[in-house]
C-alpha atoms as a PDB file:
ATOM      1  CA  UNK A   1       0.000   0.000   0.000  1.00  0.00           C
ATOM      2  CA  UNK A   2       2.857   2.392   0.771  1.00  0.00           C
ATOM      3  CA  UNK A   3       4.128   2.048  -2.796  1.00  0.00           C
ATOM      4  CA  UNK A   4       0.663   2.861  -4.151  1.00  0.00           C
ATOM      5  CA  UNK A   5       0.519   5.909  -1.883  1.00  0.00           C
ATOM      6  CA  UNK A   6       3.989   7.067  -2.914  1.00  0.00           C
ATOM      7  CA  UNK A   7       2.924   6.996  -6.568  1.00  0.00           C
ATOM      8  CA  UNK A   8      -0.393   8.706  -5.677  1.00  0.00           C
ATOM      9  CA  UNK A   9      -2.522   5.771  -6.802  1.00  0.00           C
ATOM     10  CA  UNK A  10      -4.160   5.854  -3.367  1.00  0.00           C
ATOM     11  CA  UNK A  11      -4.526   8.517  -0.666  1.00  0.00           C
ATOM     12  CA  UNK A  12      -2.536   7.985   2.510  1.00  0.00           C
ATOM     13  CA  UNK A  13      -2.758  10.261   5.554  1.00  0.00           C
ATOM     14  CA  UNK A  14      -0.744  10.182   8.758  1.00  0.00           C
ATOM     15  CA  UNK A  15      -2.056  11.009  12.211  1.00  0.00           C
ATOM     16  CA  UNK A  16      -0.205  13.230  14.665  1.00  0.00           C
ATOM     17  CA  UNK A  17       0.966  10.108  16.517  1.00  0.00           C
ATOM     18  CA  UNK A  18       2.434   8.626  13.329  1.00  0.00           C
ATOM     19  CA  UNK A  19      -0.286   6.157  12.377  1.00  0.00           C
ATOM     20  CA  UNK A  20      -0.756   5.695   8.649  1.00  0.00           C
ATOM     21  CA  UNK A  21      -4.332   5.554   7.381  1.00  0.00           C
ATOM     22  CA  UNK A  22      -5.915   4.825   4.014  1.00  0.00           C
ATOM     23  CA  UNK A  23      -9.333   6.537   4.075  1.00  0.00           C
ATOM     24  CA  UNK A  24     -12.245   4.277   3.201  1.00  0.00           C
ATOM     25  CA  UNK A  25     -14.013   7.016   1.206  1.00  0.00           C
ATOM     26  CA  UNK A  26     -11.703   6.312  -1.727  1.00  0.00           C
ATOM     27  CA  UNK A  27     -13.097   2.783  -2.036  1.00  0.00           C
ATOM     28  CA  UNK A  28     -16.516   2.130  -3.573  1.00  0.00           C
ATOM     29  CA  UNK A  29     -18.022  -1.298  -4.025  1.00  0.00           C
ATOM     30  CA  UNK A  30     -14.706  -2.944  -3.160  1.00  0.00           C
ATOM     31  CA  UNK A  31     -12.563  -0.988  -5.627  1.00  0.00           C
ATOM     32  CA  UNK A  32     -10.675   2.272  -5.614  1.00  0.00           C
ATOM     33  CA  UNK A  33     -12.832   5.022  -7.054  1.00  0.00           C
ATOM     34  CA  UNK A  34     -11.920   5.428 -10.700  1.00  0.00           C
ATOM     35  CA  UNK A  35      -9.847   8.534 -11.341  1.00  0.00           C
ATOM     36  CA  UNK A  36      -8.689   9.085  -7.747  1.00  0.00           C
ATOM     37  CA  UNK A  37      -5.060   8.734  -8.826  1.00  0.00           C
ATOM     38  CA  UNK A  38      -5.419  11.408 -11.500  1.00  0.00           C
ATOM     39  CA  UNK A  39      -7.078  13.777  -9.045  1.00  0.00           C
ATOM     40  CA  UNK A  40      -4.384  13.171  -6.410  1.00  0.00           C
ATOM     41  CA  UNK A  41      -1.668  13.993  -8.946  1.00  0.00           C
ATOM     42  CA  UNK A  42      -3.370  17.293  -9.740  1.00  0.00           C
ATOM     43  CA  UNK A  43      -3.942  18.199  -6.085  1.00  0.00           C
ATOM     44  CA  UNK A  44      -0.285  17.454  -5.314  1.00  0.00           C
ATOM     45  CA  UNK A  45       0.735  20.345  -7.562  1.00  0.00           C
ATOM     46  CA  UNK A  46      -0.931  22.763  -5.155  1.00  0.00           C
ATOM     47  CA  UNK A  47       0.034  21.369  -1.748  1.00  0.00           C
ATOM     48  CA  UNK A  48       1.602  18.243  -0.325  1.00  0.00           C
ATOM     49  CA  UNK A  49      -0.933  18.233   2.553  1.00  0.00           C
ATOM     50  CA  UNK A  50      -2.765  14.936   2.212  1.00  0.00           C
ATOM     51  CA  UNK A  51      -5.255  15.898   4.943  1.00  0.00           C
ATOM     52  CA  UNK A  52      -6.059  18.972   2.848  1.00  0.00           C
ATOM     53  CA  UNK A  53      -6.701  16.705  -0.143  1.00  0.00           C
ATOM     54  CA  UNK A  54      -8.957  14.481   1.962  1.00  0.00           C
ATOM     55  CA  UNK A  55     -10.966  17.469   3.136  1.00  0.00           C
ATOM     56  CA  UNK A  56     -11.288  18.895  -0.373  1.00  0.00           C
ATOM     57  CA  UNK A  57     -12.397  15.544  -1.777  1.00  0.00           C
ATOM     58  CA  UNK A  58     -15.239  15.291   0.757  1.00  0.00           C
ATOM     59  CA  UNK A  59     -16.476  18.859   1.068  1.00  0.00           C
ATOM     60  CA  UNK A  60     -19.736  19.935  -0.486  1.00  0.00           C
ATOM     61  CA  UNK A  61     -19.917  23.579  -1.491  1.00  0.00           C
ATOM     62  CA  UNK A  62     -22.713  25.881  -2.537  1.00  0.00           C
ATOM     63  CA  UNK A  63     -23.289  25.490  -6.253  1.00  0.00           C
ATOM     64  CA  UNK A  64     -24.288  29.117  -6.699  1.00  0.00           C
ATOM     65  CA  UNK A  65     -28.019  28.424  -6.498  1.00  0.00           C
ATOM     66  CA  UNK A  66     -28.121  28.048  -2.732  1.00  0.00           C
ATOM     67  CA  UNK A  67     -27.940  24.268  -2.972  1.00  0.00           C
ATOM     68  CA  UNK A  68     -25.010  22.048  -2.009  1.00  0.00           C
ATOM     69  CA  UNK A  69     -23.207  20.497  -4.940  1.00  0.00           C
ATOM     70  CA  UNK A  70     -21.986  16.919  -4.626  1.00  0.00           C
ATOM     71  CA  UNK A  71     -18.505  16.575  -3.153  1.00  0.00           C
ATOM     72  CA  UNK A  72     -15.664  15.732  -5.535  1.00  0.00           C
ATOM     73  CA  UNK A  73     -15.715  12.123  -4.241  1.00  0.00           C
ATOM     74  CA  UNK A  74     -19.439  11.877  -4.928  1.00  0.00           C
ATOM     75  CA  UNK A  75     -18.826  13.261  -8.407  1.00  0.00           C
ATOM     76  CA  UNK A  76     -16.053  10.713  -9.018  1.00  0.00           C
ATOM     77  CA  UNK A  77     -18.305   7.868  -7.905  1.00  0.00           C
ATOM     78  CA  UNK A  78     -20.906   9.147 -10.403  1.00  0.00           C
ATOM     79  CA  UNK A  79     -18.314   9.083 -13.212  1.00  0.00           C
ATOM     80  CA  UNK A  80     -17.693  12.825 -13.551  1.00  0.00           C
ATOM     81  CA  UNK A  81     -13.889  12.636 -13.658  1.00  0.00           C
ATOM     82  CA  UNK A  82     -13.369  15.539 -16.075  1.00  0.00           C
ATOM     83  CA  UNK A  83     -15.429  17.893 -13.896  1.00  0.00           C
ATOM     84  CA  UNK A  84     -13.471  16.890 -10.802  1.00  0.00           C
ATOM     85  CA  UNK A  85     -10.141  17.278 -12.606  1.00  0.00           C
ATOM     86  CA  UNK A  86     -11.156  20.770 -13.757  1.00  0.00           C
ATOM     87  CA  UNK A  87     -12.048  21.756 -10.193  1.00  0.00           C
ATOM     88  CA  UNK A  88      -8.891  20.103  -8.829  1.00  0.00           C
ATOM     89  CA  UNK A  89      -6.704  22.075 -11.254  1.00  0.00           C
ATOM     90  CA  UNK A  90      -8.374  25.313 -10.179  1.00  0.00           C
ATOM     91  CA  UNK A  91      -8.029  24.434  -6.497  1.00  0.00           C
ATOM     92  CA  UNK A  92      -4.397  23.340  -6.818  1.00  0.00           C
ATOM     93  CA  UNK A  93      -3.585  26.584  -8.593  1.00  0.00           C
ATOM     94  CA  UNK A  94      -5.245  28.561  -5.770  1.00  0.00           C
ATOM     95  CA  UNK A  95      -3.369  26.590  -3.116  1.00  0.00           C
ATOM     96  CA  UNK A  96      -0.037  27.233  -4.827  1.00  0.00           C
ATOM     97  CA  UNK A  97      -0.631  30.985  -5.221  1.00  0.00           C
END
């Protein structure tokens, strides 16, 4: 698993006491969510903070109409990889500014 995390095929986070965790939200129906590796590569260009990535992946935001939009993970599970990659590129750029 560590090798997969090092190559950003899977998200790995570490706790303050040094425990390594692989969040379950990146698994759906027994498989890694398709596209997670591509999204992680994009997010890594903005920050190396894996907890920040985890939060971004699971946060719903207002879609401009007063409603909550699906989180990036929900969008990935629904097959909307290109939309998530677009948002990840924008977010990574903002983080790196």
